[in-house]
Amino acid sequence: MLTRPGKQTRPRETPMREHAGDGAGQDDRDSREIAEQRREQLLRAALDVVVERGYADTRIADVAERAGTSPALVIYYFKTRDQLLTEAITHSEDTWYTEGMRRMEQIASAAGQLEEIVAMTCLPGSDPEPGSWWRLWLDLWALSPRSPGVAAVRQKYDERWRDTIRSIVLAGQEAGEFDPVDADDFAVTLSALLDGMAVQIALEDPQVPPRRTYELAMRFAAGQLGFDWKPATLRARTRGR
């Protein structure tokens, strides 16, 4: 989980505005960089608060207090609470996905890449609360049927996830590692299986711990795609999906 900064007393801030004039020069670049850093700080604070309290009990004032700033600044960047949640999810998901793809680029076999995909979802690594980050997605799923904006974010990332699985399967089939199953059907099925496992991880069901979900998902994948798999030494993960 993200490190939570303690409560701090700071001068109240006012929203930063872009410089008027020709828009050129170091001052404009510095202002944009500072604004981006502040935005990321607020997103991280929002993630911490939503994971800790749940979306329904998160207020703009809570995020401002966690970030050590004013509610006015949070509202300036994220006009509504729904926008704050969706942008926090986007920031978290993009960072997580980029790090995962970087690791997969170093794995030669399609079977190894698929194992990385499953581990990314099921294994919390250093997170002391295995289900903490999945609680964020539980909120997202719950809001999606009633919020078109949230639903669009959910659809975007689910489609990307299935596309990644499908690409790995097709590459493995081309290399002769996998049996000729329908890659689209497998991607939908495995993605749904991992999401179901994630619910159990988020609920911290003692009979369905992260290690067990990982092994069950890998046995399913190996059986469907026709490759040998045995549990190995697990690599550390920072969090679930």
C-alpha atoms as a PDB file:
ATOM      1  CA  MET A   1       0.000   0.000   0.000  1.00  0.00           C
ATOM      2  CA  LEU A   2       1.147   3.537  -0.514  1.00  0.00           C
ATOM      3  CA  THR A   3       2.938   5.140   2.413  1.00  0.00           C
ATOM      4  CA  ARG A   4       0.525   7.408   4.170  1.00  0.00           C
ATOM      5  CA  PRO A   5       1.974  10.766   5.211  1.00  0.00           C
ATOM      6  CA  GLY A   6       1.090  11.915   8.687  1.00  0.00           C
ATOM      7  CA  LYS A   7      -1.093  14.905   9.320  1.00  0.00           C
ATOM      8  CA  GLN A   8       0.840  18.061   8.627  1.00  0.00           C
ATOM      9  CA  THR A   9       0.204  21.714   9.243  1.00  0.00           C
ATOM     10  CA  ARG A  10       0.889  23.780   6.163  1.00  0.00           C
ATOM     11  CA  PRO A  11      -0.144  27.169   4.862  1.00  0.00           C
ATOM     12  CA  ARG A  12      -3.382  26.998   2.927  1.00  0.00           C
ATOM     13  CA  GLU A  13      -2.731  26.930  -0.782  1.00  0.00           C
ATOM     14  CA  THR A  14      -4.471  28.542  -3.689  1.00  0.00           C
ATOM     15  CA  PRO A  15      -4.898  26.896  -7.078  1.00  0.00           C
ATOM     16  CA  MET A  16      -1.978  27.398  -9.423  1.00  0.00           C
ATOM     17  CA  ARG A  17      -2.747  29.097 -12.699  1.00  0.00           C
ATOM     18  CA  GLU A  18      -0.832  29.040 -15.951  1.00  0.00           C
ATOM     19  CA  HIS A  19       1.190  32.094 -16.759  1.00  0.00           C
ATOM     20  CA  ALA A  20      -0.248  34.630 -19.162  1.00  0.00           C
ATOM     21  CA  GLY A  21       1.838  36.016 -21.979  1.00  0.00           C
ATOM     22  CA  ASP A  22       3.760  34.191 -24.658  1.00  0.00           C
ATOM     23  CA  GLY A  23       3.770  30.871 -22.726  1.00  0.00           C
ATOM     24  CA  ALA A  24       7.485  30.374 -23.293  1.00  0.00           C
ATOM     25  CA  GLY A  25      10.380  30.252 -20.876  1.00  0.00           C
ATOM     26  CA  GLN A  26      11.551  28.412 -17.828  1.00  0.00           C
ATOM     27  CA  ASP A  27       8.881  29.872 -15.526  1.00  0.00           C
ATOM     28  CA  ASP A  28       6.077  28.241 -17.529  1.00  0.00           C
ATOM     29  CA  ARG A  29       7.861  24.882 -17.576  1.00  0.00           C
ATOM     30  CA  ASP A  30       8.505  25.087 -13.846  1.00  0.00           C
ATOM     31  CA  SER A  31       4.861  25.924 -13.165  1.00  0.00           C
ATOM     32  CA  ARG A  32       3.643  22.970 -15.209  1.00  0.00           C
ATOM     33  CA  GLU A  33       6.068  20.630 -13.439  1.00  0.00           C
ATOM     34  CA  ILE A  34       4.996  21.855 -10.011  1.00  0.00           C
ATOM     35  CA  ALA A  35       1.335  21.492 -10.960  1.00  0.00           C
ATOM     36  CA  GLU A  36       1.915  17.927 -12.168  1.00  0.00           C
ATOM     37  CA  GLN A  37       3.723  17.008  -8.974  1.00  0.00           C
ATOM     38  CA  ARG A  38       0.904  18.465  -6.897  1.00  0.00           C
ATOM     39  CA  ARG A  39      -1.677  16.584  -8.959  1.00  0.00           C
ATOM     40  CA  GLU A  40       0.142  13.286  -8.431  1.00  0.00           C
ATOM     41  CA  GLN A  41       0.399  13.963  -4.703  1.00  0.00           C
ATOM     42  CA  LEU A  42      -3.369  14.490  -4.534  1.00  0.00           C
ATOM     43  CA  LEU A  43      -4.022  11.311  -6.523  1.00  0.00           C
ATOM     44  CA  ARG A  44      -1.855   9.288  -4.168  1.00  0.00           C
ATOM     45  CA  ALA A  45      -3.620  10.780  -1.173  1.00  0.00           C
ATOM     46  CA  ALA A  46      -6.989   9.957  -2.748  1.00  0.00           C
ATOM     47  CA  LEU A  47      -5.932   6.361  -3.347  1.00  0.00           C
ATOM     48  CA  ASP A  48      -4.862   5.960   0.267  1.00  0.00           C
ATOM     49  CA  VAL A  49      -8.080   7.426   1.640  1.00  0.00           C
ATOM     50  CA  VAL A  50     -10.401   5.454  -0.664  1.00  0.00           C
ATOM     51  CA  VAL A  51      -8.572   2.190   0.073  1.00  0.00           C
ATOM     52  CA  GLU A  52      -8.722   2.901   3.805  1.00  0.00           C
ATOM     53  CA  ARG A  53     -12.282   4.207   4.112  1.00  0.00           C
ATOM     54  CA  GLY A  54     -14.080   3.151   0.950  1.00  0.00           C
ATOM     55  CA  TYR A  55     -15.403   5.480  -1.700  1.00  0.00           C
ATOM     56  CA  ALA A  56     -18.765   6.081  -0.020  1.00  0.00           C
ATOM     57  CA  ASP A  57     -17.082   7.421   3.128  1.00  0.00           C
ATOM     58  CA  THR A  58     -14.403   9.484   1.388  1.00  0.00           C
ATOM     59  CA  ARG A  59     -14.814  13.261   1.293  1.00  0.00           C
ATOM     60  CA  ILE A  60     -12.843  15.901  -0.526  1.00  0.00           C
ATOM     61  CA  ALA A  61     -11.828  17.247   2.896  1.00  0.00           C
ATOM     62  CA  ASP A  62     -10.358  13.832   3.806  1.00  0.00           C
ATOM     63  CA  VAL A  63      -8.144  13.833   0.728  1.00  0.00           C
ATOM     64  CA  ALA A  64      -7.043  17.408   1.383  1.00  0.00           C
ATOM     65  CA  GLU A  65      -6.136  16.580   4.983  1.00  0.00           C
ATOM     66  CA  ARG A  66      -4.162  13.499   3.913  1.00  0.00           C
ATOM     67  CA  ALA A  67      -2.250  15.564   1.334  1.00  0.00           C
ATOM     68  CA  GLY A  68      -1.693  18.427   3.773  1.00  0.00           C
ATOM     69  CA  THR A  69      -3.475  20.977   1.612  1.00  0.00           C
ATOM     70  CA  SER A  70      -6.847  22.711   1.278  1.00  0.00           C
ATOM     71  CA  PRO A  71     -10.149  21.300  -0.064  1.00  0.00           C
ATOM     72  CA  ALA A  72     -10.219  24.215  -2.535  1.00  0.00           C
ATOM     73  CA  LEU A  73      -7.080  22.923  -4.234  1.00  0.00           C
ATOM     74  CA  VAL A  74      -8.495  19.396  -4.528  1.00  0.00           C
ATOM     75  CA  ILE A  75     -11.672  20.764  -6.077  1.00  0.00           C
ATOM     76  CA  TYR A  76      -9.612  22.869  -8.467  1.00  0.00           C
ATOM     77  CA  TYR A  77      -7.908  19.775  -9.856  1.00  0.00           C
ATOM     78  CA  PHE A  78     -10.779  17.267  -9.546  1.00  0.00           C
ATOM     79  CA  LYS A  79     -14.109  19.015  -9.865  1.00  0.00           C
ATOM     80  CA  THR A  80     -16.183  16.170  -8.375  1.00  0.00           C
ATOM     81  CA  ARG A  81     -15.656  13.183  -6.115  1.00  0.00           C
ATOM     82  CA  ASP A  82     -16.426  10.789  -9.002  1.00  0.00           C
ATOM     83  CA  GLN A  83     -13.727  12.427 -11.126  1.00  0.00           C
ATOM     84  CA  LEU A  84     -11.293  12.108  -8.238  1.00  0.00           C
ATOM     85  CA  LEU A  85     -12.001   8.369  -7.956  1.00  0.00           C
ATOM     86  CA  THR A  86     -11.748   7.649 -11.674  1.00  0.00           C
ATOM     87  CA  GLU A  87      -8.535   9.639 -12.072  1.00  0.00           C
ATOM     88  CA  ALA A  88      -7.030   7.959  -9.008  1.00  0.00           C
ATOM     89  CA  ILE A  89      -7.900   4.559 -10.505  1.00  0.00           C
ATOM     90  CA  THR A  90      -6.419   5.644 -13.834  1.00  0.00           C
ATOM     91  CA  HIS A  91      -3.190   6.803 -12.214  1.00  0.00           C
ATOM     92  CA  SER A  92      -2.859   3.621 -10.155  1.00  0.00           C
ATOM     93  CA  GLU A  93      -3.745   1.274 -13.009  1.00  0.00           C
ATOM     94  CA  ASP A  94      -1.451   2.909 -15.561  1.00  0.00           C
ATOM     95  CA  THR A  95       1.494   2.851 -13.164  1.00  0.00           C
ATOM     96  CA  TRP A  96       0.853  -0.784 -12.239  1.00  0.00           C
ATOM     97  CA  TYR A  97       0.382  -1.862 -15.855  1.00  0.00           C
ATOM     98  CA  THR A  98       3.528  -0.077 -17.089  1.00  0.00           C
ATOM     99  CA  GLU A  99       5.646  -1.705 -14.377  1.00  0.00           C
ATOM    100  CA  GLY A 100       4.182  -5.115 -15.208  1.00  0.00           C
ATOM    101  CA  MET A 101       4.823  -4.765 -18.923  1.00  0.00           C
ATOM    102  CA  ARG A 102       8.408  -3.745 -18.196  1.00  0.00           C
ATOM    103  CA  ARG A 103       8.897  -6.969 -16.223  1.00  0.00           C
ATOM    104  CA  MET A 104       7.281  -9.052 -18.945  1.00  0.00           C
ATOM    105  CA  GLU A 105       9.647  -7.680 -21.578  1.00  0.00           C
ATOM    106  CA  GLN A 106      12.415  -9.488 -19.731  1.00  0.00           C
ATOM    107  CA  ILE A 107      10.615 -12.869 -19.880  1.00  0.00           C
ATOM    108  CA  ALA A 108      11.323 -14.885 -23.017  1.00  0.00           C
ATOM    109  CA  SER A 109       8.562 -17.515 -22.961  1.00  0.00           C
ATOM    110  CA  ALA A 110       4.837 -16.932 -23.373  1.00  0.00           C
ATOM    111  CA  ALA A 111       4.181 -19.317 -20.472  1.00  0.00           C
ATOM    112  CA  GLY A 112       6.434 -17.207 -18.259  1.00  0.00           C
ATOM    113  CA  GLN A 113       4.657 -14.024 -19.325  1.00  0.00           C
ATOM    114  CA  LEU A 114       1.282 -15.588 -18.569  1.00  0.00           C
ATOM    115  CA  GLU A 115       2.565 -16.582 -15.139  1.00  0.00           C
ATOM    116  CA  GLU A 116       3.574 -12.951 -14.599  1.00  0.00           C
ATOM    117  CA  ILE A 117       0.058 -11.827 -15.551  1.00  0.00           C
ATOM    118  CA  VAL A 118      -1.495 -14.152 -12.981  1.00  0.00           C
ATOM    119  CA  ALA A 119       1.038 -13.166 -10.320  1.00  0.00           C
ATOM    120  CA  MET A 120       0.363  -9.476 -10.960  1.00  0.00           C
ATOM    121  CA  THR A 121      -3.271 -10.085 -10.099  1.00  0.00           C
ATOM    122  CA  CYS A 122      -3.052 -12.580  -7.250  1.00  0.00           C
ATOM    123  CA  LEU A 123       0.162 -11.936  -5.332  1.00  0.00           C
ATOM    124  CA  PRO A 124       0.310  -8.882  -3.070  1.00  0.00           C
ATOM    125  CA  GLY A 125       4.040  -9.094  -2.359  1.00  0.00           C
ATOM    126  CA  SER A 126       5.079  -6.486   0.201  1.00  0.00           C
ATOM    127  CA  ASP A 127       1.559  -5.152   0.827  1.00  0.00           C
ATOM    128  CA  PRO A 128       0.711  -5.961   4.480  1.00  0.00           C
ATOM    129  CA  GLU A 129      -3.008  -6.089   3.596  1.00  0.00           C
ATOM    130  CA  PRO A 130      -3.422  -8.433   0.586  1.00  0.00           C
ATOM    131  CA  GLY A 131      -6.895  -7.202  -0.374  1.00  0.00           C
ATOM    132  CA  SER A 132      -6.325  -3.494   0.123  1.00  0.00           C
ATOM    133  CA  TRP A 133      -5.810  -2.451  -3.491  1.00  0.00           C
ATOM    134  CA  TRP A 134      -8.563  -4.695  -4.745  1.00  0.00           C
ATOM    135  CA  ARG A 135     -11.005  -2.817  -2.516  1.00  0.00           C
ATOM    136  CA  LEU A 136     -10.490   0.143  -4.816  1.00  0.00           C
ATOM    137  CA  TRP A 137     -11.720  -1.972  -7.716  1.00  0.00           C
ATOM    138  CA  LEU A 138     -14.698  -3.204  -5.690  1.00  0.00           C
ATOM    139  CA  ASP A 139     -15.765   0.431  -5.408  1.00  0.00           C
ATOM    140  CA  LEU A 140     -15.222   0.926  -9.133  1.00  0.00           C
ATOM    141  CA  TRP A 141     -17.319  -2.120 -10.039  1.00  0.00           C
ATOM    142  CA  ALA A 142     -20.106  -1.050  -7.689  1.00  0.00           C
ATOM    143  CA  LEU A 143     -20.270   2.450  -9.203  1.00  0.00           C
ATOM    144  CA  SER A 144     -20.030   1.407 -12.862  1.00  0.00           C
ATOM    145  CA  PRO A 145     -23.710   0.482 -13.433  1.00  0.00           C
ATOM    146  CA  ARG A 146     -24.841   3.953 -12.321  1.00  0.00           C
ATOM    147  CA  SER A 147     -22.030   6.207 -13.543  1.00  0.00           C
ATOM    148  CA  PRO A 148     -21.183   6.388 -17.264  1.00  0.00           C
ATOM    149  CA  GLY A 149     -17.823   8.007 -16.522  1.00  0.00           C
ATOM    150  CA  VAL A 150     -16.795   5.305 -14.078  1.00  0.00           C
ATOM    151  CA  ALA A 151     -18.133   2.614 -16.423  1.00  0.00           C
ATOM    152  CA  ALA A 152     -15.943   3.929 -19.248  1.00  0.00           C
ATOM    153  CA  VAL A 153     -12.837   3.667 -17.060  1.00  0.00           C
ATOM    154  CA  ARG A 154     -13.764   0.120 -16.041  1.00  0.00           C
ATOM    155  CA  GLN A 155     -14.334  -0.928 -19.656  1.00  0.00           C
ATOM    156  CA  LYS A 156     -11.068   0.617 -20.859  1.00  0.00           C
ATOM    157  CA  TYR A 157      -8.913  -1.285 -18.396  1.00  0.00           C
ATOM    158  CA  ASP A 158     -10.773  -4.569 -18.671  1.00  0.00           C
ATOM    159  CA  GLU A 159     -10.389  -4.450 -22.463  1.00  0.00           C
ATOM    160  CA  ARG A 160      -6.674  -3.692 -22.168  1.00  0.00           C
ATOM    161  CA  TRP A 161      -6.242  -6.564 -19.724  1.00  0.00           C
ATOM    162  CA  ARG A 162      -8.016  -9.048 -22.015  1.00  0.00           C
ATOM    163  CA  ASP A 163      -6.026  -7.786 -25.019  1.00  0.00           C
ATOM    164  CA  THR A 164      -2.792  -8.409 -23.113  1.00  0.00           C
ATOM    165  CA  ILE A 165      -3.806 -11.982 -22.247  1.00  0.00           C
ATOM    166  CA  ARG A 166      -4.943 -12.641 -25.818  1.00  0.00           C
ATOM    167  CA  SER A 167      -1.652 -11.361 -27.256  1.00  0.00           C
ATOM    168  CA  ILE A 168       0.342 -13.644 -24.972  1.00  0.00           C
ATOM    169  CA  VAL A 169      -1.747 -16.639 -25.987  1.00  0.00           C
ATOM    170  CA  LEU A 170      -1.353 -15.908 -29.704  1.00  0.00           C
ATOM    171  CA  ALA A 171       2.404 -15.480 -29.298  1.00  0.00           C
ATOM    172  CA  GLY A 172       2.601 -18.771 -27.392  1.00  0.00           C
ATOM    173  CA  GLN A 173       0.638 -20.580 -30.061  1.00  0.00           C
ATOM    174  CA  GLU A 174       2.871 -19.199 -32.789  1.00  0.00           C
ATOM    175  CA  ALA A 175       5.942 -20.366 -30.833  1.00  0.00           C
ATOM    176  CA  GLY A 176       4.452 -23.815 -30.294  1.00  0.00           C
ATOM    177  CA  GLU A 177       4.136 -23.408 -26.525  1.00  0.00           C
ATOM    178  CA  PHE A 178       0.327 -23.465 -26.337  1.00  0.00           C
ATOM    179  CA  ASP A 179      -2.430 -25.621 -27.795  1.00  0.00           C
ATOM    180  CA  PRO A 180      -4.640 -24.065 -30.509  1.00  0.00           C
ATOM    181  CA  VAL A 181      -7.467 -22.848 -28.258  1.00  0.00           C
ATOM    182  CA  ASP A 182      -9.574 -19.794 -29.093  1.00  0.00           C
ATOM    183  CA  ALA A 183      -7.452 -16.910 -27.750  1.00  0.00           C
ATOM    184  CA  ASP A 184     -10.424 -14.548 -27.373  1.00  0.00           C
ATOM    185  CA  ASP A 185     -12.453 -17.053 -25.361  1.00  0.00           C
ATOM    186  CA  PHE A 186      -9.487 -17.899 -23.168  1.00  0.00           C
ATOM    187  CA  ALA A 187      -8.748 -14.211 -22.480  1.00  0.00           C
ATOM    188  CA  VAL A 188     -12.333 -13.534 -21.405  1.00  0.00           C
ATOM    189  CA  THR A 189     -12.446 -16.659 -19.232  1.00  0.00           C
ATOM    190  CA  LEU A 190      -9.101 -16.125 -17.505  1.00  0.00           C
ATOM    191  CA  SER A 191      -9.816 -12.432 -16.932  1.00  0.00           C
ATOM    192  CA  ALA A 192     -13.162 -13.274 -15.334  1.00  0.00           C
ATOM    193  CA  LEU A 193     -11.557 -15.999 -13.224  1.00  0.00           C
ATOM    194  CA  LEU A 194      -8.888 -13.591 -11.959  1.00  0.00           C
ATOM    195  CA  ASP A 195     -11.505 -10.954 -11.150  1.00  0.00           C
ATOM    196  CA  GLY A 196     -13.451 -13.540  -9.154  1.00  0.00           C
ATOM    197  CA  MET A 197     -10.292 -14.554  -7.313  1.00  0.00           C
ATOM    198  CA  ALA A 198      -9.633 -10.875  -6.596  1.00  0.00           C
ATOM    199  CA  VAL A 199     -12.971 -10.546  -4.818  1.00  0.00           C
ATOM    200  CA  GLN A 200     -11.947 -13.348  -2.448  1.00  0.00           C
ATOM    201  CA  ILE A 201      -8.571 -11.669  -1.887  1.00  0.00           C
ATOM    202  CA  ALA A 202     -10.304  -8.348  -1.153  1.00  0.00           C
ATOM    203  CA  LEU A 203     -12.619 -10.077   1.327  1.00  0.00           C
ATOM    204  CA  GLU A 204      -9.574 -11.763   2.891  1.00  0.00           C
ATOM    205  CA  ASP A 205     -11.305 -15.134   2.858  1.00  0.00           C
ATOM    206  CA  PRO A 206      -9.026 -17.408   4.937  1.00  0.00           C
ATOM    207  CA  GLN A 207      -9.776 -20.371   2.657  1.00  0.00           C
ATOM    208  CA  VAL A 208      -8.790 -18.441  -0.480  1.00  0.00           C
ATOM    209  CA  PRO A 209      -5.467 -16.727   0.286  1.00  0.00           C
ATOM    210  CA  PRO A 210      -3.443 -15.059  -2.510  1.00  0.00           C
ATOM    211  CA  ARG A 211      -1.010 -17.966  -2.928  1.00  0.00           C
ATOM    212  CA  ARG A 212      -3.874 -20.412  -3.439  1.00  0.00           C
ATOM    213  CA  THR A 213      -5.614 -18.185  -5.992  1.00  0.00           C
ATOM    214  CA  TYR A 214      -2.341 -17.908  -7.893  1.00  0.00           C
ATOM    215  CA  GLU A 215      -1.817 -21.667  -8.017  1.00  0.00           C
ATOM    216  CA  LEU A 216      -5.435 -22.415  -8.951  1.00  0.00           C
ATOM    217  CA  ALA A 217      -5.376 -19.859 -11.765  1.00  0.00           C
ATOM    218  CA  MET A 218      -2.094 -21.210 -13.112  1.00  0.00           C
ATOM    219  CA  ARG A 219      -3.345 -24.797 -13.033  1.00  0.00           C
ATOM    220  CA  PHE A 220      -6.398 -23.691 -15.001  1.00  0.00           C
ATOM    221  CA  ALA A 221      -4.288 -21.810 -17.553  1.00  0.00           C
ATOM    222  CA  ALA A 222      -1.831 -24.673 -17.972  1.00  0.00           C
ATOM    223  CA  GLY A 223      -4.648 -27.169 -18.407  1.00  0.00           C
ATOM    224  CA  GLN A 224      -6.435 -25.066 -21.000  1.00  0.00           C
ATOM    225  CA  LEU A 225      -3.327 -24.172 -22.994  1.00  0.00           C
ATOM    226  CA  GLY A 226      -1.572 -27.534 -22.680  1.00  0.00           C
ATOM    227  CA  PHE A 227       1.732 -26.623 -21.039  1.00  0.00           C
ATOM    228  CA  ASP A 228       3.467 -28.003 -17.952  1.00  0.00           C
ATOM    229  CA  TRP A 229       3.490 -25.818 -14.872  1.00  0.00           C
ATOM    230  CA  LYS A 230       4.755 -26.339 -11.343  1.00  0.00           C
ATOM    231  CA  PRO A 231       4.828 -23.793  -8.508  1.00  0.00           C
ATOM    232  CA  ALA A 232       8.196 -22.069  -8.262  1.00  0.00           C
ATOM    233  CA  THR A 233       9.779 -19.538  -5.953  1.00  0.00           C
ATOM    234  CA  LEU A 234       7.518 -16.506  -6.039  1.00  0.00           C
ATOM    235  CA  ARG A 235       8.806 -13.109  -7.028  1.00  0.00           C
ATOM    236  CA  ALA A 236       7.834 -10.086  -4.954  1.00  0.00           C
ATOM    237  CA  ARG A 237       4.936  -7.890  -6.014  1.00  0.00           C
ATOM    238  CA  THR A 238       4.020  -4.473  -4.751  1.00  0.00           C
ATOM    239  CA  ARG A 239       0.263  -5.033  -4.913  1.00  0.00           C
ATOM    240  CA  GLY A 240      -2.610  -6.637  -6.787  1.00  0.00           C
ATOM    241  CA  ARG A 241      -4.170  -5.210  -9.925  1.00  0.00           C
END
